[in-house]
Amino acid sequence: MSNIRSVAKSKRKKTSNVYRTPSLGYTIQQGEDMLLIISNEPKRKVYKRKRLGEGRARCPAVKVKTKTLNAGIKYKVSAEDVGHKLSRHNSEDCYDRWGQNLPVEILVNIFQLVVNQEGAIPFLCRVSRVCKLWNGAAASPVLWCSVSVGYCWIEPGKTQLPRTELKIQNTICWLAQNRFTHLREFSLCHWKKHVDYVVQVISQHCPRLSALKLSYCSGITEKGFQSLGSNCPALECIDMQFSELQVEALVSFLDTHGTQIRKILFTYGSKSDRLLSVIAGGCCPELKLLEINTKLDGGYCQLPICIQALQRGCPKLQVFRMLNVTPMPKTSRKASCSTSGFPHLEELCMASSSVSFITNQDLNTLLHGSPNLRVLDVRNCTRITSAVLSTLPCEKLECLYWGLYIGSHNMMSSRKGIHLLTRKWSNTLLELDITSQAFSEEDLEIAMGNLADGGGADRLRSLNLSGTRITSHALRSIIRQCSVLSYLNLSSCRYLPRGLKRVYRSWEEIQQLLDKLP
């Protein structure tokens, strides 16, 4: 009997003296661009409290647990063991609540990274429902500076119920009042109803609004533009691409508030001539970006435009884009007056999905006073020649896109002179596209030699020679000297061996090509 008692005492001493370090309740794993914290705690069973007849819940009395040895003798669990288990349980709960203990500033920074990639909506609306801490962080005004709202999805052939539409309006109103106080950029996409209501609500509650974009929307009227003019003095950018709007309402807005507008983007339509005439008339003297486009499947579209009038009305224009439209220059009564062109122009884009009939004279009229031009896009402009391009006043051109992407090349007028362009801009060119241009092998070899021997060989990063007569010898010279070249298109180059006529999208692939060239 005494032996049994001594064994029991020794076991009690061992159990009371052993201290176990609490294990972590989570595991850290390295992801591609983040650390993943995964909880190891199994799901705990939830016990419901028993309720008494009076309706109050009484905590169960703490019972002293006993353990039985093999010999049948019971002993009491010490208070130290119970306290140790409780402390371990509390520490594991702290590990599970790590997201609730983060400082608000860190949460806001994390949310900002996601907002920059995914947008504010619906991400911030979802994380605000996690807990009070996350709700407060998601309500930070700095996260709601740029917002894009798409239309609610509905089943094809069905319409939304009036109750649902009212709920959508109430949601927009609540967001404008409680979240959009620092809103600067707002975008609305694919809305066919309530566009006028949304624009009015946003303008009334967002005095800092500087950019408004309506993409594939319809229904904005004069009331919406009047509300913008009255409540948004900082508005500078209006983007109405692929949207149906009342052109007269926009013209009226520009007549009154055009002096504050810096950027205008719109899709050309049947009544766009009136809008373009108002802009050229001088209602937007501070305009810096003008973009006019049509849909890619819209077919051939002519754009009547008076270049001289636009140069007088928008002397500070820096970016001028006419995408998938064919400019048809026209003269006006004041056309005889000489203009200084676009002295601040840095980008001119006249790319089209069909044949463009803009001539050398038209290009000269556009760029005769633009020494600061950096980007020139004349893709599918078949009547532009290298002789005229080499006489342009811009000496620091960085990007030249002169490729031909149409089916027939019978209308090409430039078959020589590419070496004149590479000699002029060999120190500044970053990207060059001469797809399907019919230059001779000798001309291309001289042109590539100009790029390789010029001072800007270490600047060239993109070269598109698809469909040209480039040879292996000319390629070897340019690849050896261009240390940052990361894009090279050699598809459909008949003068190259088989297996090499493809697109190379990295510097490593281009260096491997150098070893394969004969």
Protein backbone atom coordinates (compact mmCIF):
# COMPACT_ATOMS: atom_id res chain seq x y z
CA MET A 1 0.00 0.00 0.00
CA SER A 2 2.82 2.35 0.81
CA ASN A 3 4.45 1.51 -2.53
CA ILE A 4 1.29 2.47 -4.39
CA ARG A 5 1.10 5.78 -2.53
CA SER A 6 4.73 6.57 -3.33
CA VAL A 7 4.14 5.80 -7.02
CA ALA A 8 1.12 8.11 -7.02
CA LYS A 9 3.10 10.91 -5.36
CA SER A 10 5.96 10.56 -7.84
CA LYS A 11 3.57 10.74 -10.78
CA ARG A 12 1.87 13.79 -9.29
CA LYS A 13 5.24 15.48 -8.92
CA LYS A 14 6.21 14.70 -12.52
CA THR A 15 2.94 16.02 -13.92
CA SER A 16 3.11 19.20 -11.86
CA ASN A 17 6.75 19.94 -12.70
CA VAL A 18 6.56 19.39 -16.49
CA TYR A 19 6.01 22.67 -18.38
CA ARG A 20 4.90 22.57 -21.94
CA THR A 21 5.41 25.63 -24.14
CA PRO A 22 2.16 26.69 -25.81
CA SER A 23 2.11 25.79 -29.48
CA LEU A 24 1.36 28.51 -32.02
CA GLY A 25 -2.18 28.62 -33.28
CA TYR A 26 -1.15 29.46 -36.83
CA THR A 27 1.33 28.57 -39.58
CA ILE A 28 3.11 31.05 -41.86
CA GLN A 29 3.58 30.06 -45.51
CA GLN A 30 5.34 32.06 -48.23
CA GLY A 31 3.17 32.86 -51.26
CA GLU A 32 4.11 34.51 -54.55
CA ASP A 33 3.86 38.07 -53.27
CA MET A 34 2.54 37.76 -49.73
CA LEU A 35 2.73 35.84 -46.44
CA LEU A 36 -0.18 33.47 -45.76
CA ILE A 37 -1.20 33.04 -42.08
CA ILE A 38 -3.19 29.79 -41.69
CA SER A 39 -4.87 28.84 -38.41
CA ASN A 40 -4.11 25.41 -36.95
CA GLU A 41 -6.87 25.43 -34.38
CA PRO A 42 -9.57 22.79 -35.02
CA LYS A 43 -13.18 23.79 -34.87
CA ARG A 44 -14.42 23.91 -31.28
CA LYS A 45 -17.72 22.53 -30.22
CA VAL A 46 -20.24 25.09 -29.11
CA TYR A 47 -22.15 24.16 -25.96
CA LYS A 48 -25.43 25.83 -25.27
CA ARG A 49 -26.09 27.06 -21.78
CA LYS A 50 -28.92 25.53 -19.86
CA ARG A 51 -31.64 28.00 -18.96
CA LEU A 52 -33.48 27.88 -15.68
CA GLY A 53 -37.17 28.22 -15.21
CA GLU A 54 -36.79 31.94 -14.38
CA GLY A 55 -35.25 32.54 -17.84
CA ARG A 56 -31.73 33.29 -16.58
CA ALA A 57 -28.63 31.42 -17.65
CA ARG A 58 -26.55 30.14 -14.77
CA CYS A 59 -22.89 29.38 -15.20
CA PRO A 60 -22.14 25.79 -14.26
CA ALA A 61 -20.22 25.36 -11.04
CA VAL A 62 -16.56 24.61 -11.34
CA LYS A 63 -16.03 20.98 -10.58
CA VAL A 64 -12.82 19.53 -9.35
CA LYS A 65 -11.68 17.05 -11.93
CA THR A 66 -10.14 13.77 -10.80
CA LYS A 67 -7.97 11.28 -12.56
CA THR A 68 -7.82 7.56 -11.77
CA LEU A 69 -4.61 5.61 -11.78
CA ASN A 70 -4.34 2.05 -12.95
CA ALA A 71 -4.51 0.94 -9.36
CA GLY A 72 -7.89 2.59 -8.87
CA ILE A 73 -6.70 5.49 -6.68
CA LYS A 74 -8.14 8.98 -7.51
CA TYR A 75 -6.29 12.25 -7.03
CA LYS A 76 -7.21 15.90 -7.53
CA VAL A 77 -5.85 18.03 -10.42
CA SER A 78 -3.81 20.90 -9.06
CA ALA A 79 -4.87 24.54 -9.57
CA GLU A 80 -1.60 25.18 -11.41
CA ASP A 81 -2.55 22.70 -14.14
CA VAL A 82 -5.95 24.31 -14.61
CA GLY A 83 -4.43 27.80 -14.79
CA HIS A 84 -1.86 26.64 -17.29
CA LYS A 85 -4.53 25.19 -19.58
CA LEU A 86 -6.62 28.37 -19.35
CA SER A 87 -3.64 30.54 -20.23
CA ARG A 88 -2.88 28.32 -23.20
CA HIS A 89 -6.49 28.55 -24.34
CA ASN A 90 -6.43 32.35 -24.08
CA SER A 91 -3.16 32.58 -26.02
CA GLU A 92 -4.62 30.52 -28.86
CA ASP A 93 -7.66 32.80 -28.95
CA CYS A 94 -5.29 35.77 -29.28
CA TYR A 95 -3.62 34.10 -32.23
CA ASP A 96 -7.02 33.60 -33.88
CA ARG A 97 -7.87 37.30 -33.38
CA TRP A 98 -4.68 38.62 -35.04
CA GLY A 99 -6.71 40.44 -37.73
CA GLN A 100 -8.67 42.34 -35.08
CA ASN A 101 -5.55 43.56 -33.30
CA LEU A 102 -3.80 45.14 -36.29
CA PRO A 103 -3.39 48.93 -36.19
CA VAL A 104 -5.87 50.76 -38.39
CA GLU A 105 -3.06 52.42 -40.35
CA ILE A 106 -1.65 49.05 -41.42
CA LEU A 107 -5.10 47.81 -42.47
CA VAL A 108 -5.66 50.95 -44.54
CA ASN A 109 -2.32 50.44 -46.30
CA ILE A 110 -3.19 46.80 -47.04
CA PHE A 111 -6.60 47.78 -48.36
CA GLN A 112 -4.99 50.49 -50.51
CA LEU A 113 -2.84 47.90 -52.29
CA VAL A 114 -5.91 45.83 -53.14
CA VAL A 115 -7.92 48.89 -54.22
CA ASN A 116 -5.15 49.93 -56.61
CA GLN A 117 -5.39 46.56 -58.37
CA GLU A 118 -9.03 45.50 -57.97
CA GLY A 119 -10.88 48.79 -57.42
CA ALA A 120 -12.76 50.13 -54.42
CA ILE A 121 -16.07 48.41 -55.25
CA PRO A 122 -17.01 45.72 -54.30
CA PHE A 123 -13.87 45.00 -52.25
CA LEU A 124 -14.32 47.69 -49.60
CA CYS A 125 -18.03 46.90 -49.27
CA ARG A 126 -17.20 43.27 -48.50
CA VAL A 127 -14.37 43.77 -46.02
CA SER A 128 -16.41 46.35 -44.11
CA ARG A 129 -18.69 43.49 -43.00
CA VAL A 130 -15.90 41.50 -41.30
CA CYS A 131 -15.75 43.35 -37.99
CA LYS A 132 -15.88 46.84 -36.51
CA LEU A 133 -12.15 47.36 -36.94
CA TRP A 134 -12.22 46.46 -40.63
CA ASN A 135 -15.37 48.52 -41.11
CA GLY A 136 -13.61 51.58 -39.72
CA ALA A 137 -10.54 51.00 -41.90
CA ALA A 138 -12.64 50.48 -45.04
CA ALA A 139 -14.41 53.78 -44.39
CA SER A 140 -11.17 55.76 -44.66
CA PRO A 141 -11.67 58.54 -47.25
CA VAL A 142 -8.27 57.93 -48.87
CA LEU A 143 -9.54 54.56 -50.16
CA TRP A 144 -12.49 56.13 -51.97
CA CYS A 145 -10.66 58.63 -54.19
CA SER A 146 -11.24 56.61 -57.38
CA VAL A 147 -14.40 54.50 -57.81
CA SER A 148 -15.78 52.52 -60.75
CA VAL A 149 -19.34 51.16 -60.60
CA GLY A 150 -20.64 48.55 -63.03
CA TYR A 151 -24.29 47.76 -63.59
CA CYS A 152 -25.96 44.96 -61.64
CA TRP A 153 -26.17 41.75 -63.63
CA ILE A 154 -29.64 40.54 -64.65
CA GLU A 155 -30.82 37.52 -66.53
CA PRO A 156 -31.02 38.04 -70.30
CA GLY A 157 -34.52 38.97 -71.39
CA LYS A 158 -35.60 40.15 -67.94
CA THR A 159 -35.80 43.54 -66.31
CA GLN A 160 -35.17 44.63 -62.75
CA LEU A 161 -38.05 44.99 -60.37
CA PRO A 162 -38.97 48.53 -59.20
CA ARG A 163 -38.00 47.56 -55.67
CA THR A 164 -34.53 46.53 -56.88
CA GLU A 165 -34.09 49.75 -58.83
CA LEU A 166 -35.04 51.78 -55.76
CA LYS A 167 -32.53 49.84 -53.70
CA ILE A 168 -29.80 50.62 -56.26
CA GLN A 169 -30.60 54.33 -56.11
CA ASN A 170 -30.56 54.31 -52.31
CA THR A 171 -27.19 52.54 -52.32
CA ILE A 172 -25.65 55.13 -54.64
CA CYS A 173 -27.06 57.94 -52.50
CA TRP A 174 -25.71 56.39 -49.27
CA LEU A 175 -22.26 55.87 -50.79
CA ALA A 176 -22.16 59.46 -52.03
CA GLN A 177 -23.09 60.81 -48.61
CA ASN A 178 -20.92 58.53 -46.43
CA ARG A 179 -17.98 57.37 -48.56
CA PHE A 180 -17.42 59.72 -51.51
CA THR A 181 -16.45 62.86 -49.59
CA HIS A 182 -12.92 62.77 -51.11
CA LEU A 183 -13.93 61.27 -54.47
CA ARG A 184 -11.88 62.56 -57.41
CA GLU A 185 -12.41 60.02 -60.22
CA PHE A 186 -15.77 58.35 -60.84
CA SER A 187 -16.58 55.83 -63.56
CA LEU A 188 -19.96 54.40 -64.53
CA CYS A 189 -20.05 51.41 -66.90
CA HIS A 190 -22.91 49.78 -68.84
CA TRP A 191 -25.75 51.72 -67.20
CA LYS A 192 -28.86 52.17 -69.33
CA LYS A 193 -31.07 53.63 -66.59
CA HIS A 194 -30.71 56.19 -63.81
CA VAL A 195 -27.50 57.63 -65.32
CA ASP A 196 -28.83 61.17 -64.96
CA TYR A 197 -29.80 60.48 -61.33
CA VAL A 198 -26.36 59.05 -60.48
CA VAL A 199 -24.54 61.99 -62.08
CA GLN A 200 -26.65 64.49 -60.15
CA VAL A 201 -26.17 62.71 -56.82
CA ILE A 202 -22.41 62.37 -57.33
CA SER A 203 -22.01 66.01 -58.33
CA GLN A 204 -24.03 67.25 -55.34
CA HIS A 205 -21.99 65.33 -52.73
CA CYS A 206 -18.52 65.26 -54.35
CA PRO A 207 -17.17 68.80 -54.74
CA ARG A 208 -13.64 67.46 -55.36
CA LEU A 209 -14.64 65.46 -58.45
CA SER A 210 -12.05 65.99 -61.20
CA ALA A 211 -12.77 63.18 -63.69
CA LEU A 212 -16.07 61.67 -64.87
CA LYS A 213 -16.20 58.61 -67.14
CA LEU A 214 -19.37 57.19 -68.67
CA SER A 215 -18.63 54.04 -70.67
CA TYR A 216 -21.41 52.33 -72.65
CA CYS A 217 -24.04 54.38 -70.81
CA SER A 218 -27.14 56.19 -72.02
CA GLY A 219 -29.60 58.64 -70.58
CA ILE A 220 -27.60 61.62 -69.37
CA THR A 221 -29.43 64.87 -70.08
CA GLU A 222 -28.92 68.60 -69.65
CA LYS A 223 -29.84 68.37 -65.95
CA GLY A 224 -26.88 66.14 -65.27
CA PHE A 225 -24.43 68.47 -67.03
CA GLN A 226 -25.92 71.51 -65.28
CA SER A 227 -25.44 69.81 -61.91
CA LEU A 228 -21.81 69.08 -62.81
CA GLY A 229 -21.19 72.68 -63.75
CA SER A 230 -22.80 74.07 -60.60
CA ASN A 231 -21.28 71.71 -58.01
CA CYS A 232 -17.94 70.49 -59.41
CA PRO A 233 -15.54 73.39 -59.94
CA ALA A 234 -12.54 71.00 -60.05
CA LEU A 235 -13.92 68.91 -62.95
CA GLU A 236 -11.22 68.64 -65.65
CA CYS A 237 -11.81 65.38 -67.53
CA ILE A 238 -14.97 64.21 -69.34
CA ASP A 239 -14.88 60.74 -70.89
CA MET A 240 -18.02 59.81 -72.85
CA GLN A 241 -16.64 56.99 -75.00
CA PHE A 242 -19.21 54.60 -76.48
CA SER A 243 -22.05 56.33 -74.60
CA GLU A 244 -25.29 57.82 -75.89
CA LEU A 245 -25.83 61.38 -74.71
CA GLN A 246 -27.51 64.60 -75.69
CA VAL A 247 -24.83 66.38 -77.69
CA GLU A 248 -26.64 69.70 -77.25
CA ALA A 249 -26.41 69.31 -73.46
CA LEU A 250 -22.65 68.72 -73.62
CA VAL A 251 -22.21 71.66 -76.00
CA SER A 252 -24.13 73.91 -73.61
CA PHE A 253 -21.95 72.73 -70.72
CA LEU A 254 -18.74 73.45 -72.65
CA ASP A 255 -19.97 76.91 -73.66
CA THR A 256 -20.39 77.79 -69.98
CA HIS A 257 -17.71 75.77 -68.18
CA GLY A 258 -15.29 74.85 -70.97
CA THR A 259 -12.45 76.93 -69.53
CA GLN A 260 -11.97 74.38 -66.70
CA ILE A 261 -11.85 71.29 -68.96
CA ARG A 262 -8.43 69.75 -69.71
CA LYS A 263 -9.40 66.37 -71.24
CA ILE A 264 -12.29 65.34 -73.53
CA LEU A 265 -12.82 61.83 -74.91
CA PHE A 266 -15.87 60.89 -76.99
CA THR A 267 -17.02 58.50 -79.71
CA TYR A 268 -17.83 60.04 -83.07
CA GLY A 269 -21.50 60.03 -84.03
CA SER A 270 -23.99 61.70 -86.31
CA LYS A 271 -24.11 64.91 -84.22
CA SER A 272 -20.47 65.06 -83.21
CA ASP A 273 -19.63 67.67 -85.84
CA ARG A 274 -21.36 70.28 -83.72
CA LEU A 275 -19.31 69.26 -80.67
CA LEU A 276 -16.03 69.35 -82.58
CA SER A 277 -16.88 72.76 -84.05
CA VAL A 278 -17.52 74.18 -80.56
CA ILE A 279 -14.17 72.82 -79.32
CA ALA A 280 -12.36 74.28 -82.33
CA GLY A 281 -14.16 77.56 -81.74
CA GLY A 282 -12.21 78.21 -78.57
CA CYS A 283 -14.56 77.21 -75.75
CA CYS A 284 -11.81 75.01 -74.20
CA PRO A 285 -8.60 77.08 -74.39
CA GLU A 286 -6.91 74.96 -71.67
CA LEU A 287 -7.59 71.62 -73.39
CA LYS A 288 -4.59 69.26 -73.27
CA LEU A 289 -6.05 65.92 -74.44
CA LEU A 290 -8.58 65.32 -77.20
CA GLU A 291 -9.56 61.80 -78.29
CA ILE A 292 -12.12 60.93 -80.97
CA ASN A 293 -12.77 57.28 -81.82
CA THR A 294 -15.22 54.76 -83.19
CA LYS A 295 -15.80 51.07 -82.59
CA LEU A 296 -13.47 48.64 -84.34
CA ASP A 297 -16.40 46.99 -86.11
CA GLY A 298 -17.93 50.33 -87.09
CA GLY A 299 -16.52 50.23 -90.61
CA TYR A 300 -15.14 53.14 -92.58
CA CYS A 301 -15.79 56.46 -90.82
CA GLN A 302 -14.84 59.91 -92.08
CA LEU A 303 -14.09 62.75 -89.66
CA PRO A 304 -14.54 66.23 -91.15
CA ILE A 305 -12.16 68.48 -89.26
CA CYS A 306 -10.62 71.91 -89.74
CA ILE A 307 -7.08 71.54 -88.48
CA GLN A 308 -6.23 75.25 -88.54
CA ALA A 309 -9.33 76.16 -86.51
CA LEU A 310 -8.50 73.49 -83.94
CA GLN A 311 -4.93 74.81 -83.66
CA ARG A 312 -6.26 78.27 -82.92
CA GLY A 313 -8.92 77.09 -80.48
CA CYS A 314 -6.71 74.64 -78.53
CA PRO A 315 -3.19 76.07 -78.51
CA LYS A 316 -2.15 74.04 -75.42
CA LEU A 317 -3.10 70.62 -76.82
CA GLN A 318 -0.56 67.94 -75.87
CA VAL A 319 -2.29 64.68 -76.91
CA PHE A 320 -4.43 64.38 -80.06
CA ARG A 321 -5.90 60.96 -80.93
CA MET A 322 -8.14 60.10 -83.88
CA LEU A 323 -8.62 56.35 -83.46
CA ASN A 324 -10.21 54.27 -86.20
CA VAL A 325 -11.49 57.36 -88.02
CA THR A 326 -10.27 58.86 -91.28
CA PRO A 327 -9.62 62.59 -90.93
CA MET A 328 -11.01 64.61 -93.82
CA PRO A 329 -9.38 68.04 -93.50
CA LYS A 330 -11.57 70.94 -94.51
CA THR A 331 -10.96 74.63 -94.86
CA SER A 332 -12.77 77.51 -93.24
CA ARG A 333 -13.06 81.22 -93.89
CA LYS A 334 -10.12 81.87 -91.59
CA ALA A 335 -8.00 79.12 -93.10
CA SER A 336 -5.82 81.64 -94.90
CA CYS A 337 -4.61 82.96 -91.55
CA SER A 338 -1.34 81.29 -90.64
CA THR A 339 -1.22 79.39 -87.36
CA SER A 340 1.60 78.30 -85.11
CA GLY A 341 0.34 74.71 -85.14
CA PHE A 342 0.36 72.71 -81.90
CA PRO A 343 3.52 73.96 -80.15
CA HIS A 344 2.96 71.72 -77.08
CA LEU A 345 1.87 68.55 -78.90
CA GLU A 346 3.61 65.41 -77.61
CA GLU A 347 1.44 62.60 -79.05
CA LEU A 348 -0.39 62.31 -82.36
CA CYS A 349 -2.34 59.13 -83.13
CA MET A 350 -4.16 58.53 -86.43
CA ALA A 351 -4.22 54.72 -86.39
CA SER A 352 -7.08 53.05 -88.24
CA SER A 353 -8.35 49.52 -88.77
CA SER A 354 -8.93 50.32 -92.46
CA VAL A 355 -7.08 52.30 -95.10
CA SER A 356 -6.45 55.93 -94.13
CA PHE A 357 -6.10 58.46 -96.94
CA ILE A 358 -4.38 61.19 -94.98
CA THR A 359 -1.67 62.75 -97.13
CA ASN A 360 1.78 64.18 -96.58
CA GLN A 361 0.35 67.69 -96.78
CA ASP A 362 -2.17 66.93 -94.04
CA LEU A 363 0.58 65.57 -91.81
CA ASN A 364 2.67 68.67 -92.41
CA THR A 365 -0.27 70.89 -91.53
CA LEU A 366 -0.73 69.04 -88.26
CA LEU A 367 2.92 68.90 -87.17
CA HIS A 368 4.66 71.87 -88.74
CA GLY A 369 4.81 73.60 -85.33
CA SER A 370 5.29 70.62 -82.99
CA PRO A 371 8.97 70.32 -82.02
CA ASN A 372 8.16 68.43 -78.79
CA LEU A 373 6.47 65.43 -80.41
CA ARG A 374 7.33 62.15 -78.66
CA VAL A 375 4.80 59.63 -80.06
CA LEU A 376 3.61 59.35 -83.68
CA ASP A 377 1.12 56.64 -84.66
CA VAL A 378 0.27 56.51 -88.39
CA ARG A 379 -0.56 52.83 -88.76
CA ASN A 380 -2.38 52.01 -92.03
CA CYS A 381 -1.72 55.52 -93.37
CA THR A 382 -0.64 54.30 -96.80
CA ARG A 383 0.00 57.71 -98.36
CA ILE A 384 2.59 58.86 -95.83
CA THR A 385 6.17 58.67 -97.14
CA SER A 386 9.48 58.46 -95.34
CA ALA A 387 10.69 61.59 -97.11
CA VAL A 388 8.03 63.69 -95.36
CA LEU A 389 8.56 61.99 -92.00
CA SER A 390 12.26 62.81 -92.15
CA THR A 391 11.49 66.53 -92.56
CA LEU A 392 9.24 66.85 -89.49
CA PRO A 393 10.44 69.43 -86.94
CA CYS A 394 10.43 66.95 -84.03
CA GLU A 395 14.00 65.92 -83.19
CA LYS A 396 13.31 63.75 -80.12
CA LEU A 397 10.74 61.24 -81.34
CA GLU A 398 10.61 58.18 -79.07
CA CYS A 399 7.84 55.98 -80.56
CA LEU A 400 7.09 55.59 -84.28
CA TYR A 401 4.27 53.24 -85.31
CA TRP A 402 4.14 53.02 -89.11
CA GLY A 403 2.99 49.45 -89.70
CA LEU A 404 0.51 48.31 -92.33
CA TYR A 405 -2.10 45.87 -91.00
CA ILE A 406 -4.47 45.77 -93.97
CA GLY A 407 -4.92 42.90 -96.39
CA SER A 408 -3.72 44.59 -99.57
CA HIS A 409 -0.45 46.50 -99.92
CA ASN A 410 -1.02 47.73 -103.47
CA MET A 411 -1.60 51.31 -102.30
CA MET A 412 1.76 51.67 -100.55
CA SER A 413 3.64 54.76 -101.69
CA SER A 414 6.76 54.46 -99.50
CA ARG A 415 9.18 51.79 -100.67
CA LYS A 416 12.49 53.35 -99.64
CA GLY A 417 13.98 55.81 -97.21
CA ILE A 418 13.66 54.04 -93.84
CA HIS A 419 17.35 54.72 -93.26
CA LEU A 420 16.56 58.45 -93.23
CA LEU A 421 14.28 57.98 -90.22
CA THR A 422 16.63 55.76 -88.22
CA ARG A 423 19.48 58.18 -88.86
CA LYS A 424 17.42 61.15 -87.63
CA TRP A 425 16.05 59.50 -84.49
CA SER A 426 18.75 56.92 -83.73
CA ASN A 427 19.52 58.57 -80.38
CA THR A 428 15.93 58.82 -79.12
CA LEU A 429 13.87 55.90 -80.49
CA LEU A 430 12.41 53.52 -77.91
CA GLU A 431 9.85 51.68 -80.07
CA LEU A 432 9.70 51.21 -83.85
CA ASP A 433 6.98 49.46 -85.87
CA ILE A 434 7.36 49.12 -89.66
CA THR A 435 5.19 46.03 -90.15
CA SER A 436 4.78 44.98 -93.82
CA GLN A 437 6.58 48.03 -95.20
CA ALA A 438 8.15 47.15 -98.57
CA PHE A 439 11.66 48.44 -97.96
CA SER A 440 14.55 46.69 -99.72
CA GLU A 441 17.10 44.49 -97.98
CA GLU A 442 19.84 47.08 -98.48
CA ASP A 443 17.67 49.87 -97.07
CA LEU A 444 16.78 47.82 -93.99
CA GLU A 445 20.42 46.83 -93.43
CA ILE A 446 21.50 50.49 -93.46
CA ALA A 447 18.60 51.40 -91.16
CA MET A 448 19.50 48.71 -88.62
CA GLY A 449 23.11 49.82 -88.79
CA ASN A 450 22.06 53.38 -87.94
CA LEU A 451 20.21 52.14 -84.87
CA ALA A 452 23.07 49.90 -83.77
CA ASP A 453 25.81 52.49 -84.23
CA GLY A 454 23.83 55.44 -82.90
CA GLY A 455 24.02 56.72 -79.37
CA GLY A 456 20.56 55.35 -78.53
CA ALA A 457 21.25 51.66 -79.11
CA ASP A 458 20.93 51.02 -75.39
CA ARG A 459 17.47 52.67 -75.36
CA LEU A 460 15.61 50.66 -78.02
CA ARG A 461 13.23 48.22 -76.31
CA SER A 462 10.66 47.23 -78.97
CA LEU A 463 11.16 46.47 -82.68
CA ASN A 464 8.43 45.16 -84.99
CA LEU A 465 9.78 43.94 -88.35
CA SER A 466 6.93 41.57 -89.19
CA GLY A 467 6.44 41.01 -92.92
CA THR A 468 9.58 42.90 -93.96
CA ARG A 469 12.66 41.85 -95.92
CA ILE A 470 14.99 41.89 -92.95
CA THR A 471 18.04 39.61 -93.27
CA SER A 472 20.07 37.67 -90.74
CA HIS A 473 23.08 39.93 -91.18
CA ALA A 474 21.05 43.06 -90.41
CA LEU A 475 19.46 41.38 -87.38
CA ARG A 476 22.79 40.33 -85.92
CA SER A 477 24.08 43.89 -85.86
CA ILE A 478 21.06 45.33 -84.07
CA ILE A 479 20.72 42.52 -81.51
CA ARG A 480 24.35 42.73 -80.44
CA GLN A 481 24.17 46.43 -79.66
CA CYS A 482 20.68 46.77 -78.14
CA SER A 483 21.09 45.66 -74.54
CA VAL A 484 17.50 46.41 -73.39
CA LEU A 485 15.60 45.07 -76.41
CA SER A 486 12.75 43.00 -74.93
CA TYR A 487 10.31 42.67 -77.87
CA LEU A 488 11.17 41.58 -81.41
CA ASN A 489 8.58 40.55 -83.99
CA LEU A 490 9.97 38.56 -86.93
CA SER A 491 6.81 36.77 -88.04
CA SER A 492 6.30 36.38 -91.80
CA CYS A 493 9.85 37.54 -92.58
CA ARG A 494 10.58 35.53 -95.75
CA TYR A 495 14.28 36.28 -95.83
CA LEU A 496 14.92 34.48 -92.52
CA PRO A 497 15.42 30.73 -92.02
CA ARG A 498 12.56 28.55 -90.88
CA GLY A 499 12.05 28.29 -87.15
CA LEU A 500 13.16 31.87 -86.50
CA LYS A 501 10.12 33.68 -87.90
CA ARG A 502 8.17 34.33 -84.73
CA VAL A 503 7.69 36.81 -81.86
CA TYR A 504 10.37 37.10 -79.15
CA ARG A 505 9.06 38.62 -75.91
CA SER A 506 12.09 38.77 -73.62
CA TRP A 507 15.77 39.68 -73.69
CA GLU A 508 16.75 36.08 -73.00
CA GLU A 509 14.82 34.78 -76.03
CA ILE A 510 16.41 37.42 -78.24
CA GLN A 511 19.90 36.43 -77.08
CA GLN A 512 19.11 32.79 -77.89
CA LEU A 513 18.05 33.94 -81.36
CA LEU A 514 21.47 35.54 -81.82
CA ASP A 515 23.10 32.12 -81.40
CA LYS A 516 20.79 30.57 -83.99
CA LEU A 517 21.24 33.17 -86.73
CA PRO A 518 23.34 31.83 -89.65
